[in-house]
Amino acid sequence: MAKYKKKRARELQHDRFRDTTMGFFDRLGDTLEGRGRTILYGLGGLILAGLIVIVFVKWSNRKSDEARQALGRAITISSTPVLTSPIAGTTEPTFSSAQERAQRAIEEFEKVANKYGDPYRAEARYFIASHRLVLDRQKGMSELAELSDSSSVPEVAALSKFALAQANESDGKLDEAARLYSELARLNNPAVTTETANLRLAKVYEKQGKKKEAADLLFNIVDASRKAKGEDNLPLPTSAAAREAADELKKIDPDRYAQLPTETPSLAG
């Protein structure tokens, strides 16, 4: 009953506001002739539309902040170290196994996925599928495959495909892993760059015994990185993927490594 009263009071307050506002426009319209009234009503509509937009933006920003905080809490849980012996006196969640942590993380990410829209829902589904690999590997891989093909958020689709490729690689399904890494290299999504995808592809080639193909990819990654320049025509910093590719090339093919252009001394990492 109390809730009804509050709701009704809000309705009545709204009615009084509407009556007062429209009465004002009516009285002001009476002072003008012909088109004056039409112009005033049009102006009133524009003001109302503007207010609606402002309210929606504020509501949307508040929901976005809420969603980011919820997603952050879930990520914190998912990255909590596994401890066989909990730390005495701590108030933070602790987990004795990767399975226990994965289950709790999934529960938190499901809350986000069920309450908020994209991109937070898509991101939460990606994390759910990734953690599902620990509990039910086949189901997790199936969820990652679905996201990589159908997610409306390109970054989530790319990350899901990358996680799926890594899972296939660790399972020894090298041909499937190579196919997925190749697709990611062509996409060049900011979440999984061509450099990163090709680095993983080169490592798959190594496992397959394709030393030349691996060396070619690694050489091209490092060569392009060392020659890259920014808008000011100065060399760009070497990426982490390019540094790792250089180390890998030096290990598997020292002669090819020696053919690389010299790295800019000021940017050497």
C-alpha atoms as a PDB file:
ATOM      1  CA  MET A   1       0.000   0.000   0.000  1.00  0.00           C
ATOM      2  CA  ALA A   2       2.836   2.373   0.872  1.00  0.00           C
ATOM      3  CA  LYS A   3       4.485   1.683  -2.470  1.00  0.00           C
ATOM      4  CA  TYR A   4       1.219   2.459  -4.264  1.00  0.00           C
ATOM      5  CA  LYS A   5       0.937   5.763  -2.430  1.00  0.00           C
ATOM      6  CA  LYS A   6       4.432   6.796  -3.368  1.00  0.00           C
ATOM      7  CA  LYS A   7       3.826   5.803  -6.976  1.00  0.00           C
ATOM      8  CA  ARG A   8       0.545   7.657  -7.083  1.00  0.00           C
ATOM      9  CA  ALA A   9       2.131  10.751  -5.535  1.00  0.00           C
ATOM     10  CA  ARG A  10       4.746  10.737  -8.265  1.00  0.00           C
ATOM     11  CA  GLU A  11       1.992  10.432 -10.895  1.00  0.00           C
ATOM     12  CA  LEU A  12       0.094  13.355  -9.405  1.00  0.00           C
ATOM     13  CA  GLN A  13       3.244  15.441  -9.182  1.00  0.00           C
ATOM     14  CA  HIS A  14       3.907  14.688 -12.829  1.00  0.00           C
ATOM     15  CA  ASP A  15       0.336  15.721 -13.717  1.00  0.00           C
ATOM     16  CA  ARG A  16       0.737  19.018 -11.910  1.00  0.00           C
ATOM     17  CA  PHE A  17       4.012  19.659 -13.716  1.00  0.00           C
ATOM     18  CA  ARG A  18       2.409  18.868 -17.048  1.00  0.00           C
ATOM     19  CA  ASP A  19      -0.630  21.044 -16.354  1.00  0.00           C
ATOM     20  CA  THR A  20       1.530  23.942 -15.183  1.00  0.00           C
ATOM     21  CA  THR A  21       3.896  23.660 -18.120  1.00  0.00           C
ATOM     22  CA  MET A  22       1.216  23.342 -20.773  1.00  0.00           C
ATOM     23  CA  GLY A  23      -0.790  26.097 -19.117  1.00  0.00           C
ATOM     24  CA  PHE A  24       2.210  28.369 -19.379  1.00  0.00           C
ATOM     25  CA  PHE A  25       2.593  27.642 -23.087  1.00  0.00           C
ATOM     26  CA  ASP A  26      -1.165  28.141 -23.597  1.00  0.00           C
ATOM     27  CA  ARG A  27      -1.116  31.546 -21.908  1.00  0.00           C
ATOM     28  CA  LEU A  28       2.003  32.609 -23.737  1.00  0.00           C
ATOM     29  CA  GLY A  29       0.499  31.328 -26.987  1.00  0.00           C
ATOM     30  CA  ASP A  30      -2.599  33.427 -26.448  1.00  0.00           C
ATOM     31  CA  THR A  31      -0.452  36.532 -26.577  1.00  0.00           C
ATOM     32  CA  LEU A  32       0.670  35.608 -30.091  1.00  0.00           C
ATOM     33  CA  GLU A  33      -1.323  35.062 -33.191  1.00  0.00           C
ATOM     34  CA  GLY A  34      -1.476  32.214 -35.706  1.00  0.00           C
ATOM     35  CA  ARG A  35       1.912  30.629 -36.060  1.00  0.00           C
ATOM     36  CA  GLY A  36       3.074  31.857 -32.687  1.00  0.00           C
ATOM     37  CA  ARG A  37       1.212  29.093 -30.869  1.00  0.00           C
ATOM     38  CA  THR A  38       2.593  26.431 -33.259  1.00  0.00           C
ATOM     39  CA  ILE A  39       6.136  27.717 -32.788  1.00  0.00           C
ATOM     40  CA  LEU A  40       5.784  27.635 -29.018  1.00  0.00           C
ATOM     41  CA  TYR A  41       4.486  24.079 -28.998  1.00  0.00           C
ATOM     42  CA  GLY A  42       7.335  23.086 -31.299  1.00  0.00           C
ATOM     43  CA  LEU A  43       9.814  24.760 -28.985  1.00  0.00           C
ATOM     44  CA  GLY A  44       8.270  22.995 -26.027  1.00  0.00           C
ATOM     45  CA  GLY A  45       8.668  19.662 -27.827  1.00  0.00           C
ATOM     46  CA  LEU A  46      12.333  20.365 -28.512  1.00  0.00           C
ATOM     47  CA  ILE A  47      12.951  21.255 -24.866  1.00  0.00           C
ATOM     48  CA  LEU A  48      11.210  18.083 -23.726  1.00  0.00           C
ATOM     49  CA  ALA A  49      13.198  15.984 -26.201  1.00  0.00           C
ATOM     50  CA  GLY A  50      16.416  17.563 -24.935  1.00  0.00           C
ATOM     51  CA  LEU A  51      15.510  16.751 -21.352  1.00  0.00           C
ATOM     52  CA  ILE A  52      14.783  13.161 -22.296  1.00  0.00           C
ATOM     53  CA  VAL A  53      18.183  12.838 -23.985  1.00  0.00           C
ATOM     54  CA  ILE A  54      19.956  14.282 -20.933  1.00  0.00           C
ATOM     55  CA  VAL A  55      18.168  11.914 -18.578  1.00  0.00           C
ATOM     56  CA  PHE A  56      18.932   8.930 -20.821  1.00  0.00           C
ATOM     57  CA  VAL A  57      22.640   9.807 -21.082  1.00  0.00           C
ATOM     58  CA  LYS A  58      22.941  10.142 -17.305  1.00  0.00           C
ATOM     59  CA  TRP A  59      21.124   6.838 -16.792  1.00  0.00           C
ATOM     60  CA  SER A  60      23.276   5.126 -19.420  1.00  0.00           C
ATOM     61  CA  ASN A  61      26.503   6.416 -17.866  1.00  0.00           C
ATOM     62  CA  ARG A  62      25.399   5.240 -14.439  1.00  0.00           C
ATOM     63  CA  LYS A  63      24.568   1.765 -15.772  1.00  0.00           C
ATOM     64  CA  SER A  64      27.900   1.615 -17.610  1.00  0.00           C
ATOM     65  CA  ASP A  65      29.798   2.493 -14.422  1.00  0.00           C
ATOM     66  CA  GLU A  66      27.820  -0.142 -12.541  1.00  0.00           C
ATOM     67  CA  ALA A  67      28.536  -2.755 -15.210  1.00  0.00           C
ATOM     68  CA  ARG A  68      32.261  -1.937 -15.258  1.00  0.00           C
ATOM     69  CA  GLN A  69      32.462  -2.290 -11.489  1.00  0.00           C
ATOM     70  CA  ALA A  70      30.642  -5.628 -11.566  1.00  0.00           C
ATOM     71  CA  LEU A  71      32.895  -6.892 -14.347  1.00  0.00           C
ATOM     72  CA  GLY A  72      35.943  -5.688 -12.423  1.00  0.00           C
ATOM     73  CA  ARG A  73      34.868  -7.609  -9.313  1.00  0.00           C
ATOM     74  CA  ALA A  74      34.453 -10.777 -11.362  1.00  0.00           C
ATOM     75  CA  ILE A  75      37.870 -10.323 -13.001  1.00  0.00           C
ATOM     76  CA  THR A  76      39.468  -9.805  -9.586  1.00  0.00           C
ATOM     77  CA  ILE A  77      38.019 -13.112  -8.406  1.00  0.00           C
ATOM     78  CA  SER A  78      39.142 -14.887 -11.576  1.00  0.00           C
ATOM     79  CA  SER A  79      42.725 -13.672 -11.083  1.00  0.00           C
ATOM     80  CA  THR A  80      42.958 -14.523  -7.378  1.00  0.00           C
ATOM     81  CA  PRO A  81      45.941 -16.832  -6.717  1.00  0.00           C
ATOM     82  CA  VAL A  82      45.161 -20.414  -5.781  1.00  0.00           C
ATOM     83  CA  LEU A  83      46.423 -21.110  -2.237  1.00  0.00           C
ATOM     84  CA  THR A  84      46.588 -24.515  -0.616  1.00  0.00           C
ATOM     85  CA  SER A  85      46.650 -22.787   2.792  1.00  0.00           C
ATOM     86  CA  PRO A  86      44.449 -19.666   3.193  1.00  0.00           C
ATOM     87  CA  ILE A  87      46.139 -16.583   4.642  1.00  0.00           C
ATOM     88  CA  ALA A  88      45.028 -16.025   8.222  1.00  0.00           C
ATOM     89  CA  GLY A  89      42.970 -12.907   8.843  1.00  0.00           C
ATOM     90  CA  THR A  90      42.341 -12.069   5.181  1.00  0.00           C
ATOM     91  CA  THR A  91      38.881 -10.934   4.113  1.00  0.00           C
ATOM     92  CA  GLU A  92      39.559 -11.529   0.429  1.00  0.00           C
ATOM     93  CA  PRO A  93      38.196 -14.697  -1.224  1.00  0.00           C
ATOM     94  CA  THR A  94      40.670 -17.577  -1.364  1.00  0.00           C
ATOM     95  CA  PHE A  95      40.566 -20.767  -3.407  1.00  0.00           C
ATOM     96  CA  SER A  96      42.249 -24.082  -2.824  1.00  0.00           C
ATOM     97  CA  SER A  97      42.053 -25.222  -6.447  1.00  0.00           C
ATOM     98  CA  ALA A  98      41.773 -23.849  -9.971  1.00  0.00           C
ATOM     99  CA  GLN A  99      38.413 -25.618 -10.305  1.00  0.00           C
ATOM    100  CA  GLU A 100      36.995 -23.877  -7.240  1.00  0.00           C
ATOM    101  CA  ARG A 101      38.176 -20.496  -8.491  1.00  0.00           C
ATOM    102  CA  ALA A 102      36.799 -21.121 -11.985  1.00  0.00           C
ATOM    103  CA  GLN A 103      33.370 -22.048 -10.617  1.00  0.00           C
ATOM    104  CA  ARG A 104      33.171 -18.936  -8.445  1.00  0.00           C
ATOM    105  CA  ALA A 105      34.390 -16.730 -11.310  1.00  0.00           C
ATOM    106  CA  ILE A 106      31.772 -18.162 -13.663  1.00  0.00           C
ATOM    107  CA  GLU A 107      29.046 -17.391 -11.128  1.00  0.00           C
ATOM    108  CA  GLU A 108      30.187 -13.749 -10.924  1.00  0.00           C
ATOM    109  CA  PHE A 109      30.486 -13.339 -14.683  1.00  0.00           C
ATOM    110  CA  GLU A 110      27.030 -14.858 -15.149  1.00  0.00           C
ATOM    111  CA  LYS A 111      25.607 -12.089 -12.948  1.00  0.00           C
ATOM    112  CA  VAL A 112      27.088  -9.525 -15.333  1.00  0.00           C
ATOM    113  CA  ALA A 113      25.906 -11.375 -18.443  1.00  0.00           C
ATOM    114  CA  ASN A 114      22.354 -11.681 -17.082  1.00  0.00           C
ATOM    115  CA  LYS A 115      22.018  -8.054 -15.954  1.00  0.00           C
ATOM    116  CA  TYR A 116      23.815  -5.870 -18.503  1.00  0.00           C
ATOM    117  CA  GLY A 117      23.926  -5.471 -22.259  1.00  0.00           C
ATOM    118  CA  ASP A 118      26.855  -5.446 -24.668  1.00  0.00           C
ATOM    119  CA  PRO A 119      29.753  -4.970 -24.579  1.00  0.00           C
ATOM    120  CA  TYR A 120      29.723  -6.079 -20.921  1.00  0.00           C
ATOM    121  CA  ARG A 121      27.521  -9.091 -21.589  1.00  0.00           C
ATOM    122  CA  ALA A 122      29.759 -10.258 -24.428  1.00  0.00           C
ATOM    123  CA  GLU A 123      32.911  -9.759 -22.351  1.00  0.00           C
ATOM    124  CA  ALA A 124      31.385 -11.699 -19.463  1.00  0.00           C
ATOM    125  CA  ARG A 125      30.427 -14.555 -21.787  1.00  0.00           C
ATOM    126  CA  TYR A 126      34.010 -14.694 -23.059  1.00  0.00           C
ATOM    127  CA  PHE A 127      35.343 -14.992 -19.507  1.00  0.00           C
ATOM    128  CA  ILE A 128      32.729 -17.623 -18.688  1.00  0.00           C
ATOM    129  CA  ALA A 129      33.761 -19.734 -21.667  1.00  0.00           C
ATOM    130  CA  SER A 130      37.469 -19.320 -20.852  1.00  0.00           C
ATOM    131  CA  HIS A 131      36.973 -20.473 -17.271  1.00  0.00           C
ATOM    132  CA  ARG A 132      34.684 -23.262 -18.421  1.00  0.00           C
ATOM    133  CA  LEU A 133      37.741 -24.877 -20.014  1.00  0.00           C
ATOM    134  CA  VAL A 134      38.902 -25.773 -16.498  1.00  0.00           C
ATOM    135  CA  LEU A 135      35.620 -27.466 -15.529  1.00  0.00           C
ATOM    136  CA  ASP A 136      34.218 -28.812 -18.802  1.00  0.00           C
ATOM    137  CA  ARG A 137      36.753 -28.413 -21.600  1.00  0.00           C
ATOM    138  CA  GLN A 138      34.521 -29.449 -24.476  1.00  0.00           C
ATOM    139  CA  LYS A 139      31.697 -27.160 -23.384  1.00  0.00           C
ATOM    140  CA  GLY A 140      34.136 -24.295 -22.928  1.00  0.00           C
ATOM    141  CA  MET A 141      35.553 -24.788 -26.412  1.00  0.00           C
ATOM    142  CA  SER A 142      32.050 -24.953 -27.855  1.00  0.00           C
ATOM    143  CA  GLU A 143      31.141 -21.649 -26.184  1.00  0.00           C
ATOM    144  CA  LEU A 144      34.344 -20.017 -27.421  1.00  0.00           C
ATOM    145  CA  ALA A 145      33.639 -21.220 -30.965  1.00  0.00           C
ATOM    146  CA  GLU A 146      30.137 -19.748 -30.810  1.00  0.00           C
ATOM    147  CA  LEU A 147      31.422 -16.391 -29.580  1.00  0.00           C
ATOM    148  CA  SER A 148      34.209 -16.265 -32.176  1.00  0.00           C
ATOM    149  CA  ASP A 149      31.645 -16.727 -34.956  1.00  0.00           C
ATOM    150  CA  SER A 150      28.656 -14.766 -33.718  1.00  0.00           C
ATOM    151  CA  SER A 151      29.644 -12.133 -31.128  1.00  0.00           C
ATOM    152  CA  SER A 152      28.550  -8.633 -32.110  1.00  0.00           C
ATOM    153  CA  VAL A 153      31.606  -7.217 -30.307  1.00  0.00           C
ATOM    154  CA  PRO A 154      34.638  -7.656 -32.626  1.00  0.00           C
ATOM    155  CA  GLU A 155      37.162  -7.619 -29.778  1.00  0.00           C
ATOM    156  CA  VAL A 156      35.313 -10.398 -27.971  1.00  0.00           C
ATOM    157  CA  ALA A 157      35.076 -12.445 -31.175  1.00  0.00           C
ATOM    158  CA  ALA A 158      38.839 -12.097 -31.699  1.00  0.00           C
ATOM    159  CA  LEU A 159      39.723 -12.941 -28.093  1.00  0.00           C
ATOM    160  CA  SER A 160      37.413 -15.963 -28.173  1.00  0.00           C
ATOM    161  CA  LYS A 161      39.024 -17.259 -31.366  1.00  0.00           C
ATOM    162  CA  PHE A 162      42.485 -16.733 -29.873  1.00  0.00           C
ATOM    163  CA  ALA A 163      41.544 -18.637 -26.692  1.00  0.00           C
ATOM    164  CA  LEU A 164      40.060 -21.411 -28.829  1.00  0.00           C
ATOM    165  CA  ALA A 165      43.259 -21.596 -30.907  1.00  0.00           C
ATOM    166  CA  GLN A 166      45.356 -21.810 -27.743  1.00  0.00           C
ATOM    167  CA  ALA A 167      43.144 -24.593 -26.383  1.00  0.00           C
ATOM    168  CA  ASN A 168      43.507 -26.543 -29.623  1.00  0.00           C
ATOM    169  CA  GLU A 169      47.265 -25.975 -29.590  1.00  0.00           C
ATOM    170  CA  SER A 170      47.607 -27.277 -26.030  1.00  0.00           C
ATOM    171  CA  ASP A 171      45.459 -30.296 -26.954  1.00  0.00           C
ATOM    172  CA  GLY A 172      47.788 -31.124 -29.840  1.00  0.00           C
ATOM    173  CA  LYS A 173      45.263 -30.198 -32.534  1.00  0.00           C
ATOM    174  CA  LEU A 174      47.880 -28.220 -34.406  1.00  0.00           C
ATOM    175  CA  ASP A 175      46.185 -28.015 -37.809  1.00  0.00           C
ATOM    176  CA  GLU A 176      43.069 -26.488 -36.262  1.00  0.00           C
ATOM    177  CA  ALA A 177      45.160 -24.126 -34.143  1.00  0.00           C
ATOM    178  CA  ALA A 178      47.111 -23.007 -37.224  1.00  0.00           C
ATOM    179  CA  ARG A 179      43.880 -22.338 -39.101  1.00  0.00           C
ATOM    180  CA  LEU A 180      42.518 -20.150 -36.317  1.00  0.00           C
ATOM    181  CA  TYR A 181      45.757 -18.214 -35.866  1.00  0.00           C
ATOM    182  CA  SER A 182      45.893 -17.593 -39.622  1.00  0.00           C
ATOM    183  CA  GLU A 183      42.358 -16.187 -39.575  1.00  0.00           C
ATOM    184  CA  LEU A 184      43.268 -13.889 -36.683  1.00  0.00           C
ATOM    185  CA  ALA A 185      46.379 -12.676 -38.491  1.00  0.00           C
ATOM    186  CA  ARG A 186      44.229 -11.613 -41.443  1.00  0.00           C
ATOM    187  CA  LEU A 187      41.734  -9.847 -39.188  1.00  0.00           C
ATOM    188  CA  ASN A 188      44.356  -7.756 -37.355  1.00  0.00           C
ATOM    189  CA  ASN A 189      41.937  -6.861 -34.560  1.00  0.00           C
ATOM    190  CA  PRO A 190      43.356  -4.512 -31.895  1.00  0.00           C
ATOM    191  CA  ALA A 191      42.615  -7.168 -29.261  1.00  0.00           C
ATOM    192  CA  VAL A 192      44.718  -9.750 -31.135  1.00  0.00           C
ATOM    193  CA  THR A 193      47.100  -8.081 -33.562  1.00  0.00           C
ATOM    194  CA  THR A 194      48.605  -9.667 -36.662  1.00  0.00           C
ATOM    195  CA  GLU A 195      51.970  -9.758 -34.868  1.00  0.00           C
ATOM    196  CA  THR A 196      50.570 -11.717 -31.934  1.00  0.00           C
ATOM    197  CA  ALA A 197      48.640 -14.158 -34.120  1.00  0.00           C
ATOM    198  CA  ASN A 198      51.616 -14.771 -36.421  1.00  0.00           C
ATOM    199  CA  LEU A 199      53.928 -15.304 -33.456  1.00  0.00           C
ATOM    200  CA  ARG A 200      51.659 -18.077 -32.181  1.00  0.00           C
ATOM    201  CA  LEU A 201      51.314 -19.464 -35.705  1.00  0.00           C
ATOM    202  CA  ALA A 202      55.104 -19.631 -36.024  1.00  0.00           C
ATOM    203  CA  LYS A 203      55.310 -21.602 -32.794  1.00  0.00           C
ATOM    204  CA  VAL A 204      52.695 -24.026 -34.106  1.00  0.00           C
ATOM    205  CA  TYR A 205      54.756 -24.438 -37.278  1.00  0.00           C
ATOM    206  CA  GLU A 206      57.757 -25.263 -35.090  1.00  0.00           C
ATOM    207  CA  LYS A 207      55.780 -27.997 -33.349  1.00  0.00           C
ATOM    208  CA  GLN A 208      54.744 -29.341 -36.753  1.00  0.00           C
ATOM    209  CA  GLY A 209      58.365 -29.460 -37.875  1.00  0.00           C
ATOM    210  CA  LYS A 210      57.883 -26.652 -40.402  1.00  0.00           C
ATOM    211  CA  LYS A 211      61.067 -24.813 -39.506  1.00  0.00           C
ATOM    212  CA  LYS A 212      61.299 -22.710 -42.687  1.00  0.00           C
ATOM    213  CA  GLU A 213      57.679 -21.516 -42.476  1.00  0.00           C
ATOM    214  CA  ALA A 214      58.211 -20.633 -38.814  1.00  0.00           C
ATOM    215  CA  ALA A 215      61.446 -18.761 -39.543  1.00  0.00           C
ATOM    216  CA  ASP A 216      59.821 -16.828 -42.396  1.00  0.00           C
ATOM    217  CA  LEU A 217      56.992 -15.655 -40.165  1.00  0.00           C
ATOM    218  CA  LEU A 218      59.295 -14.705 -37.309  1.00  0.00           C
ATOM    219  CA  PHE A 219      61.660 -12.844 -39.650  1.00  0.00           C
ATOM    220  CA  ASN A 220      58.793 -10.868 -41.188  1.00  0.00           C
ATOM    221  CA  ILE A 221      57.430  -9.891 -37.759  1.00  0.00           C
ATOM    222  CA  VAL A 222      60.767  -8.535 -36.564  1.00  0.00           C
ATOM    223  CA  ASP A 223      61.745  -6.990 -39.906  1.00  0.00           C
ATOM    224  CA  ALA A 224      58.462  -5.041 -40.178  1.00  0.00           C
ATOM    225  CA  SER A 225      58.690  -3.910 -36.552  1.00  0.00           C
ATOM    226  CA  ARG A 226      62.245  -2.592 -36.892  1.00  0.00           C
ATOM    227  CA  LYS A 227      61.413  -0.718 -40.068  1.00  0.00           C
ATOM    228  CA  ALA A 228      58.137   0.762 -38.826  1.00  0.00           C
ATOM    229  CA  LYS A 229      57.990   4.550 -38.427  1.00  0.00           C
ATOM    230  CA  GLY A 230      55.433   6.909 -36.950  1.00  0.00           C
ATOM    231  CA  GLU A 231      53.900  10.059 -38.385  1.00  0.00           C
ATOM    232  CA  ASP A 232      56.984  12.008 -37.325  1.00  0.00           C
ATOM    233  CA  ASN A 233      59.119   9.606 -39.419  1.00  0.00           C
ATOM    234  CA  LEU A 234      60.855   8.339 -36.286  1.00  0.00           C
ATOM    235  CA  PRO A 235      61.174   4.590 -35.562  1.00  0.00           C
ATOM    236  CA  LEU A 236      58.362   3.135 -33.502  1.00  0.00           C
ATOM    237  CA  PRO A 237      59.130   1.232 -30.286  1.00  0.00           C
ATOM    238  CA  THR A 238      59.552  -2.508 -30.750  1.00  0.00           C
ATOM    239  CA  SER A 239      56.493  -4.415 -29.599  1.00  0.00           C
ATOM    240  CA  ALA A 240      56.601  -7.252 -27.073  1.00  0.00           C
ATOM    241  CA  ALA A 241      55.540  -9.700 -29.801  1.00  0.00           C
ATOM    242  CA  ALA A 242      58.370  -8.557 -32.076  1.00  0.00           C
ATOM    243  CA  ARG A 243      60.941  -8.938 -29.266  1.00  0.00           C
ATOM    244  CA  GLU A 244      59.711 -12.446 -28.541  1.00  0.00           C
ATOM    245  CA  ALA A 245      59.757 -13.250 -32.258  1.00  0.00           C
ATOM    246  CA  ALA A 246      63.378 -12.068 -32.465  1.00  0.00           C
ATOM    247  CA  ASP A 247      64.392 -14.304 -29.556  1.00  0.00           C
ATOM    248  CA  GLU A 248      62.591 -17.266 -31.119  1.00  0.00           C
ATOM    249  CA  LEU A 249      64.163 -16.701 -34.545  1.00  0.00           C
ATOM    250  CA  LYS A 250      67.631 -16.443 -33.023  1.00  0.00           C
ATOM    251  CA  LYS A 251      67.052 -19.796 -31.355  1.00  0.00           C
ATOM    252  CA  ILE A 252      65.722 -21.764 -34.343  1.00  0.00           C
ATOM    253  CA  ASP A 253      67.608 -20.081 -37.220  1.00  0.00           C
ATOM    254  CA  PRO A 254      70.630 -17.945 -36.193  1.00  0.00           C
ATOM    255  CA  ASP A 255      71.655 -17.352 -39.807  1.00  0.00           C
ATOM    256  CA  ARG A 256      68.274 -15.861 -40.681  1.00  0.00           C
ATOM    257  CA  TYR A 257      68.344 -13.803 -37.510  1.00  0.00           C
ATOM    258  CA  ALA A 258      71.666 -12.277 -38.612  1.00  0.00           C
ATOM    259  CA  GLN A 259      69.976 -10.939 -41.757  1.00  0.00           C
ATOM    260  CA  LEU A 260      67.613  -8.703 -39.777  1.00  0.00           C
ATOM    261  CA  PRO A 261      68.069  -4.910 -39.905  1.00  0.00           C
ATOM    262  CA  THR A 262      69.774  -3.492 -36.854  1.00  0.00           C
ATOM    263  CA  GLU A 263      67.431  -2.362 -34.133  1.00  0.00           C
ATOM    264  CA  THR A 264      67.485   1.369 -33.417  1.00  0.00           C
ATOM    265  CA  PRO A 265      69.802   1.754 -30.367  1.00  0.00           C
ATOM    266  CA  SER A 266      67.624   4.370 -28.648  1.00  0.00           C
ATOM    267  CA  LEU A 267      64.612   2.056 -28.801  1.00  0.00           C
ATOM    268  CA  ALA A 268      66.379  -1.188 -27.976  1.00  0.00           C
ATOM    269  CA  GLY A 269      64.593  -2.943 -25.183  1.00  0.00           C
END
